[in-house]
C-alpha atoms as a PDB file:
ATOM      1  CA  MET A   1     112.009  97.011  78.776  1.00  0.00           C
ATOM      2  CA  ARG A   2     113.984  98.440  75.859  1.00  0.00           C
ATOM      3  CA  ALA A   3     116.659  99.698  78.242  1.00  0.00           C
ATOM      4  CA  ILE A   4     116.923  96.275  79.879  1.00  0.00           C
ATOM      5  CA  VAL A   5     117.119  94.436  76.544  1.00  0.00           C
ATOM      6  CA  ARG A   6     119.853  96.793  75.311  1.00  0.00           C
ATOM      7  CA  ASN A   7     122.040  95.954  78.314  1.00  0.00           C
ATOM      8  CA  PRO A   8     123.571  92.474  77.793  1.00  0.00           C
ATOM      9  CA  LEU A   9     124.464  91.985  81.466  1.00  0.00           C
ATOM     10  CA  THR A  10     120.957  92.865  82.619  1.00  0.00           C
ATOM     11  CA  LEU A  11     119.473  90.607  79.961  1.00  0.00           C
ATOM     12  CA  ALA A  12     121.744  87.768  81.093  1.00  0.00           C
ATOM     13  CA  GLY A  13     120.601  88.301  84.684  1.00  0.00           C
ATOM     14  CA  ALA A  14     116.940  88.271  83.644  1.00  0.00           C
ATOM     15  CA  LEU A  15     117.465  85.025  81.716  1.00  0.00           C
ATOM     16  CA  LEU A  16     119.155  83.373  84.713  1.00  0.00           C
ATOM     17  CA  VAL A  17     116.296  84.465  86.976  1.00  0.00           C
ATOM     18  CA  LEU A  18     113.742  83.201  84.447  1.00  0.00           C
ATOM     19  CA  ILE A  19     115.461  79.815  84.059  1.00  0.00           C
ATOM     20  CA  MET A  20     115.701  79.277  87.815  1.00  0.00           C
ATOM     21  CA  GLY A  21     112.097  80.356  88.314  1.00  0.00           C
ATOM     22  CA  LEU A  22     110.788  78.060  85.590  1.00  0.00           C
ATOM     23  CA  ALA A  23     112.826  75.150  86.929  1.00  0.00           C
ATOM     24  CA  ALA A  24     111.308  75.654  90.384  1.00  0.00           C
ATOM     25  CA  LEU A  25     107.746  75.951  89.020  1.00  0.00           C
ATOM     26  CA  LEU A  26     108.040  72.949  86.689  1.00  0.00           C
ATOM     27  CA  ALA A  27     109.879  70.684  89.140  1.00  0.00           C
ATOM     28  CA  PRO A  28     107.236  67.879  89.120  1.00  0.00           C
ATOM     29  CA  TRP A  29     107.425  67.656  85.322  1.00  0.00           C
ATOM     30  CA  ILE A  30     111.153  67.987  84.639  1.00  0.00           C
ATOM     31  CA  CYS A  31     112.443  65.638  87.350  1.00  0.00           C
ATOM     32  CA  ALA A  32     112.626  62.010  86.327  1.00  0.00           C
ATOM     33  CA  TYR A  33     113.177  60.769  89.910  1.00  0.00           C
ATOM     34  CA  ASP A  34     111.577  61.383  93.270  1.00  0.00           C
ATOM     35  CA  TYR A  35     113.951  63.553  95.281  1.00  0.00           C
ATOM     36  CA  ARG A  36     113.205  61.391  98.364  1.00  0.00           C
ATOM     37  CA  ALA A  37     113.731  58.016  96.663  1.00  0.00           C
ATOM     38  CA  ILE A  38     116.654  56.071  98.187  1.00  0.00           C
ATOM     39  CA  ASN A  39     118.475  53.624  95.917  1.00  0.00           C
ATOM     40  CA  VAL A  40     121.238  51.626  97.611  1.00  0.00           C
ATOM     41  CA  ASP A  41     122.349  50.286  94.236  1.00  0.00           C
ATOM     42  CA  ALA A  42     123.153  53.782  92.944  1.00  0.00           C
ATOM     43  CA  VAL A  43     125.208  55.284  95.770  1.00  0.00           C
ATOM     44  CA  LEU A  44     127.568  58.139  94.776  1.00  0.00           C
ATOM     45  CA  LEU A  45     127.263  57.573  91.050  1.00  0.00           C
ATOM     46  CA  PRO A  46     129.072  60.241  88.991  1.00  0.00           C
ATOM     47  CA  PRO A  47     127.159  62.413  86.491  1.00  0.00           C
ATOM     48  CA  GLY A  48     126.036  60.475  83.443  1.00  0.00           C
ATOM     49  CA  PRO A  49     123.156  59.960  81.006  1.00  0.00           C
ATOM     50  CA  VAL A  50     120.967  58.347  83.676  1.00  0.00           C
ATOM     51  CA  HIS A  51     121.679  60.722  86.561  1.00  0.00           C
ATOM     52  CA  TRP A  52     122.690  64.049  85.018  1.00  0.00           C
ATOM     53  CA  CYS A  53     124.201  65.421  88.220  1.00  0.00           C
ATOM     54  CA  GLY A  54     125.074  62.128  89.876  1.00  0.00           C
ATOM     55  CA  THR A  55     123.688  60.691  93.092  1.00  0.00           C
ATOM     56  CA  ASP A  56     124.371  61.277  96.775  1.00  0.00           C
ATOM     57  CA  ALA A  57     125.411  58.933  99.592  1.00  0.00           C
ATOM     58  CA  LEU A  58     121.862  57.517  99.800  1.00  0.00           C
ATOM     59  CA  GLY A  59     121.503  57.005  96.065  1.00  0.00           C
ATOM     60  CA  ARG A  60     119.128  59.959  95.593  1.00  0.00           C
ATOM     61  CA  ASP A  61     119.224  61.834  92.281  1.00  0.00           C
ATOM     62  CA  VAL A  62     121.087  65.115  92.805  1.00  0.00           C
ATOM     63  CA  PHE A  63     119.445  66.873  89.838  1.00  0.00           C
ATOM     64  CA  SER A  64     115.959  66.211  91.239  1.00  0.00           C
ATOM     65  CA  ARG A  65     117.010  67.400  94.679  1.00  0.00           C
ATOM     66  CA  MET A  66     118.543  70.565  93.213  1.00  0.00           C
ATOM     67  CA  VAL A  67     115.410  71.413  91.219  1.00  0.00           C
ATOM     68  CA  TRP A  68     113.135  70.855  94.212  1.00  0.00           C
ATOM     69  CA  GLY A  69     115.647  72.717  96.370  1.00  0.00           C
ATOM     70  CA  ALA A  70     115.234  75.698  94.031  1.00  0.00           C
ATOM     71  CA  ARG A  71     111.619  75.892  95.173  1.00  0.00           C
ATOM     72  CA  VAL A  72     112.702  76.114  98.804  1.00  0.00           C
ATOM     73  CA  SER A  73     115.474  78.649  98.236  1.00  0.00           C
ATOM     74  CA  LEU A  74     113.403  80.940  96.002  1.00  0.00           C
ATOM     75  CA  LEU A  75     110.377  80.686  98.302  1.00  0.00           C
ATOM     76  CA  VAL A  76     112.519  81.773 101.244  1.00  0.00           C
ATOM     77  CA  GLY A  77     113.961  84.601  99.150  1.00  0.00           C
ATOM     78  CA  PHE A  78     110.642  85.993  97.952  1.00  0.00           C
ATOM     79  CA  VAL A  79     108.694  85.665 101.211  1.00  0.00           C
ATOM     80  CA  SER A  80     111.457  87.018 103.457  1.00  0.00           C
ATOM     81  CA  VAL A  81     112.077  89.962 101.110  1.00  0.00           C
ATOM     82  CA  GLY A  82     108.334  90.610 100.998  1.00  0.00           C
ATOM     83  CA  ILE A  83     108.218  90.795 104.800  1.00  0.00           C
ATOM     84  CA  SER A  84     111.307  93.005 105.066  1.00  0.00           C
ATOM     85  CA  THR A  85     110.131  95.309 102.246  1.00  0.00           C
ATOM     86  CA  LEU A  86     106.702  95.762 103.816  1.00  0.00           C
ATOM     87  CA  LEU A  87     108.178  96.561 107.240  1.00  0.00           C
ATOM     88  CA  GLY A  88     110.782  98.880 105.710  1.00  0.00           C
ATOM     89  CA  ILE A  89     108.189 100.782 103.681  1.00  0.00           C
ATOM     90  CA  ILE A  90     105.966 101.313 106.718  1.00  0.00           C
ATOM     91  CA  ALA A  91     108.809 102.394 109.024  1.00  0.00           C
ATOM     92  CA  GLY A  92     110.512 104.579 106.412  1.00  0.00           C
ATOM     93  CA  ALA A  93     107.299 106.266 105.270  1.00  0.00           C
ATOM     94  CA  VAL A  94     106.204 107.100 108.819  1.00  0.00           C
ATOM     95  CA  ALA A  95     109.666 108.388 109.764  1.00  0.00           C
ATOM     96  CA  GLY A  96     110.141 110.439 106.597  1.00  0.00           C
ATOM     97  CA  TYR A  97     106.662 111.936 106.467  1.00  0.00           C
ATOM     98  CA  TYR A  98     106.197 112.926 110.097  1.00  0.00           C
ATOM     99  CA  GLY A  99     109.827 113.696 110.987  1.00  0.00           C
ATOM    100  CA  GLY A 100     110.657 115.113 114.417  1.00  0.00           C
ATOM    101  CA  MET A 101     110.555 112.776 117.380  1.00  0.00           C
ATOM    102  CA  VAL A 102     108.908 109.989 115.380  1.00  0.00           C
ATOM    103  CA  ASP A 103     111.750 110.097 112.864  1.00  0.00           C
ATOM    104  CA  ARG A 104     114.414 110.079 115.571  1.00  0.00           C
ATOM    105  CA  LEU A 105     112.886 107.130 117.421  1.00  0.00           C
ATOM    106  CA  ILE A 106     112.530 104.983 114.306  1.00  0.00           C
ATOM    107  CA  MET A 107     116.001 105.838 113.008  1.00  0.00           C
ATOM    108  CA  ARG A 108     117.606 105.078 116.351  1.00  0.00           C
ATOM    109  CA  ALA A 109     115.892 101.678 116.285  1.00  0.00           C
ATOM    110  CA  VAL A 110     117.314 101.184 112.784  1.00  0.00           C
ATOM    111  CA  ASP A 111     120.791 102.163 113.997  1.00  0.00           C
ATOM    112  CA  ILE A 112     120.579  99.698 116.890  1.00  0.00           C
ATOM    113  CA  MET A 113     119.516  96.894 114.552  1.00  0.00           C
ATOM    114  CA  LEU A 114     122.349  97.703 112.151  1.00  0.00           C
ATOM    115  CA  CYS A 115     124.888  97.559 114.983  1.00  0.00           C
ATOM    116  CA  ILE A 116     124.063  93.901 115.619  1.00  0.00           C
ATOM    117  CA  PRO A 117     125.719  91.465 113.168  1.00  0.00           C
ATOM    118  CA  GLY A 118     122.808  90.198 111.092  1.00  0.00           C
ATOM    119  CA  PHE A 119     123.953  86.616 110.655  1.00  0.00           C
ATOM    120  CA  PHE A 120     124.601  86.077 114.361  1.00  0.00           C
ATOM    121  CA  LEU A 121     121.298  87.734 115.222  1.00  0.00           C
ATOM    122  CA  ILE A 122     119.512  85.274 112.938  1.00  0.00           C
ATOM    123  CA  LEU A 123     121.400  82.361 114.502  1.00  0.00           C
ATOM    124  CA  THR A 124     120.355  83.521 117.970  1.00  0.00           C
ATOM    125  CA  VAL A 125     116.693  83.908 117.034  1.00  0.00           C
ATOM    126  CA  ILE A 126     116.594  80.514 115.301  1.00  0.00           C
ATOM    127  CA  ALA A 127     118.103  78.915 118.396  1.00  0.00           C
ATOM    128  CA  PHE A 128     115.042  80.116 120.351  1.00  0.00           C
ATOM    129  CA  VAL A 129     112.226  79.713 117.804  1.00  0.00           C
ATOM    130  CA  GLY A 130     113.500  76.493 116.225  1.00  0.00           C
ATOM    131  CA  HIS A 131     114.161  75.297 112.687  1.00  0.00           C
ATOM    132  CA  GLY A 132     111.688  75.149 109.836  1.00  0.00           C
ATOM    133  CA  ILE A 133     111.151  76.941 106.575  1.00  0.00           C
ATOM    134  CA  VAL A 134     108.462  79.241 107.987  1.00  0.00           C
ATOM    135  CA  ASN A 135     110.680  80.312 110.870  1.00  0.00           C
ATOM    136  CA  ILE A 136     113.577  80.925 108.467  1.00  0.00           C
ATOM    137  CA  MET A 137     111.456  83.169 106.242  1.00  0.00           C
ATOM    138  CA  VAL A 138     110.025  85.168 109.125  1.00  0.00           C
ATOM    139  CA  VAL A 139     113.353  85.592 110.900  1.00  0.00           C
ATOM    140  CA  ILE A 140     115.179  86.757 107.768  1.00  0.00           C
ATOM    141  CA  GLY A 141     112.359  89.176 106.993  1.00  0.00           C
ATOM    142  CA  LEU A 142     112.247  90.629 110.510  1.00  0.00           C
ATOM    143  CA  THR A 143     116.013  91.195 110.621  1.00  0.00           C
ATOM    144  CA  SER A 144     116.614  92.756 107.185  1.00  0.00           C
ATOM    145  CA  TRP A 145     114.146  95.649 106.821  1.00  0.00           C
ATOM    146  CA  MET A 146     116.493  98.448 107.891  1.00  0.00           C
ATOM    147  CA  GLY A 147     117.983  99.204 104.475  1.00  0.00           C
ATOM    148  CA  VAL A 148     114.541  99.575 102.897  1.00  0.00           C
ATOM    149  CA  ALA A 149     113.445 101.842 105.744  1.00  0.00           C
ATOM    150  CA  ARG A 150     116.387 104.167 105.125  1.00  0.00           C
ATOM    151  CA  LEU A 151     115.693 104.291 101.390  1.00  0.00           C
ATOM    152  CA  VAL A 152     111.994 105.080 101.850  1.00  0.00           C
ATOM    153  CA  ARG A 153     112.723 107.665 104.543  1.00  0.00           C
ATOM    154  CA  ALA A 154     115.173 109.502 102.296  1.00  0.00           C
ATOM    155  CA  GLU A 155     112.656 109.586  99.451  1.00  0.00           C
ATOM    156  CA  CYS A 156     109.828 110.734 101.744  1.00  0.00           C
ATOM    157  CA  LEU A 157     111.920 113.567 103.185  1.00  0.00           C
ATOM    158  CA  THR A 158     112.284 114.926  99.649  1.00  0.00           C
ATOM    159  CA  LEU A 159     108.806 114.188  98.329  1.00  0.00           C
ATOM    160  CA  ARG A 160     106.860 115.589 101.276  1.00  0.00           C
ATOM    161  CA  GLU A 161     107.947 119.123 100.284  1.00  0.00           C
ATOM    162  CA  ARG A 162     106.927 118.765  96.626  1.00  0.00           C
ATOM    163  CA  GLU A 163     104.096 120.822  95.179  1.00  0.00           C
ATOM    164  CA  PHE A 164     101.733 117.898  94.577  1.00  0.00           C
ATOM    165  CA  VAL A 165     101.995 116.830  98.232  1.00  0.00           C
ATOM    166  CA  LEU A 166     101.396 120.383  99.437  1.00  0.00           C
ATOM    167  CA  ALA A 167      98.402 120.626  97.102  1.00  0.00           C
ATOM    168  CA  ALA A 168      96.968 117.346  98.415  1.00  0.00           C
ATOM    169  CA  ARG A 169      97.416 118.573 101.968  1.00  0.00           C
ATOM    170  CA  ALA A 170      95.747 121.891 101.084  1.00  0.00           C
ATOM    171  CA  VAL A 171      92.585 120.216  99.768  1.00  0.00           C
ATOM    172  CA  GLY A 172      92.237 118.219 102.984  1.00  0.00           C
ATOM    173  CA  ALA A 173      93.704 114.825 102.071  1.00  0.00           C
ATOM    174  CA  THR A 174      94.494 112.649 105.080  1.00  0.00           C
ATOM    175  CA  ASP A 175      98.040 111.684 105.963  1.00  0.00           C
ATOM    176  CA  LEU A 176      97.355 108.063 105.026  1.00  0.00           C
ATOM    177  CA  ARG A 177      96.069 109.054 101.590  1.00  0.00           C
ATOM    178  CA  ILE A 178      99.007 111.387 100.970  1.00  0.00           C
ATOM    179  CA  ILE A 179     101.499 108.670 101.911  1.00  0.00           C
ATOM    180  CA  THR A 180      99.851 105.822  99.990  1.00  0.00           C
ATOM    181  CA  ARG A 181      98.612 107.699  96.910  1.00  0.00           C
ATOM    182  CA  HIS A 182     101.156 110.467  96.389  1.00  0.00           C
ATOM    183  CA  ILE A 183     104.453 109.711  98.136  1.00  0.00           C
ATOM    184  CA  LEU A 184     104.968 105.938  98.009  1.00  0.00           C
ATOM    185  CA  PRO A 185     104.223 105.516  94.274  1.00  0.00           C
ATOM    186  CA  ASN A 186     107.016 108.031  93.586  1.00  0.00           C
ATOM    187  CA  ALA A 187     109.427 106.298  95.980  1.00  0.00           C
ATOM    188  CA  LEU A 188     109.081 102.710  94.787  1.00  0.00           C
ATOM    189  CA  GLY A 189     111.906 102.787  92.238  1.00  0.00           C
ATOM    190  CA  PRO A 190     114.757 102.360  94.745  1.00  0.00           C
ATOM    191  CA  VAL A 191     112.599  99.948  96.759  1.00  0.00           C
ATOM    192  CA  MET A 192     112.154  97.673  93.740  1.00  0.00           C
ATOM    193  CA  VAL A 193     115.912  97.599  93.174  1.00  0.00           C
ATOM    194  CA  SER A 194     116.538  96.884  96.849  1.00  0.00           C
ATOM    195  CA  ALA A 195     113.972  94.068  96.824  1.00  0.00           C
ATOM    196  CA  VAL A 196     115.547  92.363  93.803  1.00  0.00           C
ATOM    197  CA  LEU A 197     119.009  92.560  95.354  1.00  0.00           C
ATOM    198  CA  GLY A 198     117.534  91.413  98.666  1.00  0.00           C
ATOM    199  CA  ILE A 199     116.261  88.182  97.081  1.00  0.00           C
ATOM    200  CA  ALA A 200     119.832  87.268  96.148  1.00  0.00           C
ATOM    201  CA  ALA A 201     121.016  88.022  99.678  1.00  0.00           C
ATOM    202  CA  ALA A 202     118.171  85.988 101.218  1.00  0.00           C
ATOM    203  CA  VAL A 203     118.891  82.968  98.989  1.00  0.00           C
ATOM    204  CA  LEU A 204     122.554  83.112  99.968  1.00  0.00           C
ATOM    205  CA  LEU A 205     121.672  83.478 103.661  1.00  0.00           C
ATOM    206  CA  GLU A 206     119.245  80.557 103.585  1.00  0.00           C
ATOM    207  CA  SER A 207     121.870  78.396 101.881  1.00  0.00           C
ATOM    208  CA  SER A 208     124.401  79.355 104.549  1.00  0.00           C
ATOM    209  CA  LEU A 209     122.008  78.460 107.359  1.00  0.00           C
ATOM    210  CA  SER A 210     121.099  75.136 105.742  1.00  0.00           C
ATOM    211  CA  PHE A 211     124.782  74.373 105.185  1.00  0.00           C
ATOM    212  CA  LEU A 212     125.381  74.845 108.914  1.00  0.00           C
ATOM    213  CA  GLY A 213     122.413  72.611 109.729  1.00  0.00           C
ATOM    214  CA  LEU A 214     120.322  75.498 111.098  1.00  0.00           C
ATOM    215  CA  GLY A 215     118.064  76.051 108.112  1.00  0.00           C
ATOM    216  CA  VAL A 216     115.831  73.707 106.142  1.00  0.00           C
ATOM    217  CA  GLN A 217     116.159  70.215 107.576  1.00  0.00           C
ATOM    218  CA  PRO A 218     116.488  66.953 105.589  1.00  0.00           C
ATOM    219  CA  PRO A 219     114.823  65.184 103.878  1.00  0.00           C
ATOM    220  CA  THR A 220     113.479  68.462 102.467  1.00  0.00           C
ATOM    221  CA  PRO A 221     116.070  69.438  99.848  1.00  0.00           C
ATOM    222  CA  SER A 222     117.853  72.759  99.915  1.00  0.00           C
ATOM    223  CA  TRP A 223     120.957  73.872  98.104  1.00  0.00           C
ATOM    224  CA  GLY A 224     122.629  74.412 101.466  1.00  0.00           C
ATOM    225  CA  ASN A 225     122.005  70.945 102.899  1.00  0.00           C
ATOM    226  CA  ILE A 226     123.022  69.348  99.575  1.00  0.00           C
ATOM    227  CA  LEU A 227     126.328  71.180  99.952  1.00  0.00           C
ATOM    228  CA  THR A 228     126.620  69.806 103.474  1.00  0.00           C
ATOM    229  CA  ALA A 229     126.389  66.265 102.098  1.00  0.00           C
ATOM    230  CA  GLY A 230     128.977  67.210  99.493  1.00  0.00           C
ATOM    231  CA  LYS A 231     131.356  68.424 102.193  1.00  0.00           C
ATOM    232  CA  ASP A 232     131.438  64.967 103.745  1.00  0.00           C
ATOM    233  CA  ASN A 233     132.265  63.305 100.411  1.00  0.00           C
ATOM    234  CA  ILE A 234     134.167  66.041  98.596  1.00  0.00           C
ATOM    235  CA  GLU A 235     137.189  63.842  97.842  1.00  0.00           C
ATOM    236  CA  ILE A 236     135.204  61.110  96.111  1.00  0.00           C
ATOM    237  CA  ALA A 237     132.023  62.911  94.981  1.00  0.00           C
ATOM    238  CA  TRP A 238     132.908  66.366  93.650  1.00  0.00           C
ATOM    239  CA  TRP A 239     129.505  66.746  91.956  1.00  0.00           C
ATOM    240  CA  LEU A 240     127.741  67.061  95.321  1.00  0.00           C
ATOM    241  CA  SER A 241     129.546  70.367  95.876  1.00  0.00           C
ATOM    242  CA  VAL A 242     129.973  71.707  92.344  1.00  0.00           C
ATOM    243  CA  PHE A 243     126.401  71.569  91.027  1.00  0.00           C
ATOM    244  CA  PRO A 244     124.603  73.080  94.075  1.00  0.00           C
ATOM    245  CA  GLY A 245     127.350  75.700  94.283  1.00  0.00           C
ATOM    246  CA  LEU A 246     126.795  76.591  90.620  1.00  0.00           C
ATOM    247  CA  ALA A 247     123.035  76.840  91.238  1.00  0.00           C
ATOM    248  CA  ILE A 248     123.599  79.292  94.099  1.00  0.00           C
ATOM    249  CA  LEU A 249     126.144  81.220  92.023  1.00  0.00           C
ATOM    250  CA  CYS A 250     123.837  81.536  88.992  1.00  0.00           C
ATOM    251  CA  THR A 251     120.829  82.555  91.110  1.00  0.00           C
ATOM    252  CA  VAL A 252     122.663  85.200  93.131  1.00  0.00           C
ATOM    253  CA  LEU A 253     124.464  86.491  90.034  1.00  0.00           C
ATOM    254  CA  GLY A 254     121.206  86.669  88.080  1.00  0.00           C
ATOM    255  CA  TYR A 255     119.376  88.711  90.705  1.00  0.00           C
ATOM    256  CA  ASN A 256     122.370  90.996  91.244  1.00  0.00           C
ATOM    257  CA  LEU A 257     122.691  91.705  87.508  1.00  0.00           C
ATOM    258  CA  LEU A 258     118.945  92.262  87.207  1.00  0.00           C
ATOM    259  CA  GLY A 259     118.952  94.593  90.212  1.00  0.00           C
ATOM    260  CA  GLU A 260     121.825  96.654  88.813  1.00  0.00           C
ATOM    261  CA  GLY A 261     120.043  96.903  85.480  1.00  0.00           C
ATOM    262  CA  LEU A 262     116.822  98.031  87.151  1.00  0.00           C
ATOM    263  CA  ARG A 263     118.765 100.644  89.100  1.00  0.00           C
ATOM    264  CA  ASP A 264     120.238 102.056  85.893  1.00  0.00           C
ATOM    265  CA  THR A 265     116.849 101.957  84.175  1.00  0.00           C
ATOM    266  CA  LEU A 266     114.724 103.454  86.955  1.00  0.00           C
ATOM    267  CA  ASP A 267     117.159 106.289  87.762  1.00  0.00           C
ATOM    268  CA  PRO A 268     116.422 109.080  85.241  1.00  0.00           C
ATOM    269  CA  ARG A 269     119.807 110.694  85.823  1.00  0.00           C
ATOM    270  CA  LEU A 270     121.697 107.500  84.967  1.00  0.00           C
ATOM    271  CA  THR A 271     119.444 106.836  81.985  1.00  0.00           C
ATOM    272  CA  ARG A 272     119.996 110.339  80.613  1.00  0.00           C
ATOM    273  CA  SER A 273     123.769 110.149  81.096  1.00  0.00           C
ATOM    274  CA  ASN A 274     123.874 106.809  79.277  1.00  0.00           C
ATOM    275  CA  ARG A 275     121.962 108.303  76.366  1.00  0.00           C
ATOM    276  CA  LEU A 276     124.328 111.261  76.192  1.00  0.00           C
END
């Protein structure tokens, strides 16, 4: 914590993440308007004291829709990264610990997945399974575990030859116990960094899908589909594009800065060099 506080960029990222998280959690209490309420008398009003971020083409309050959209975007980010991290840890740990044919089979599967453009793979899968927030989370999670698997495999290849692993094996510990109690706890540093950075990537991907009309569907608000409405009225309603774009920018920037700070903090070599 001291190392994070000393780094102004990391601290700024943590504050952005905290602000966005609190806004999403406190959405029912900080929004003065229902994000679904249509008001034909307040169509495309510019930002002002009544509607802080203006209104859209149906008279809905943009600020309320952005705050509720934060819930959707962050939920997709956390759940999809949780799925991809879990799959990556399992695949990487099995490949790195057992090696041999098991390692080659898993790594070739990873190579095949990495050869397919991720965004187009997600578009193809969504075309078959349909829209919906649950489908979006599952699809993003199932198509983005390869990086975590490579990280965990590399750590396991090193840790499995350490003295404490050899000692655990000598006293008769099972493979499952060695992996879960001795190897994985020592390999979670890079995984934590990858997960934090993955949240930013998942939020950006969900916004892209919603912008194209393939993600979260109206009337459920999402930063991406708010941007879609802004695209249709960009010449007369700039606020529909600027404010959701700033929300995406601040969220992605916050998680990227926090992830870089965690990487510097959790890597003993970088920490020692910074002290010197």
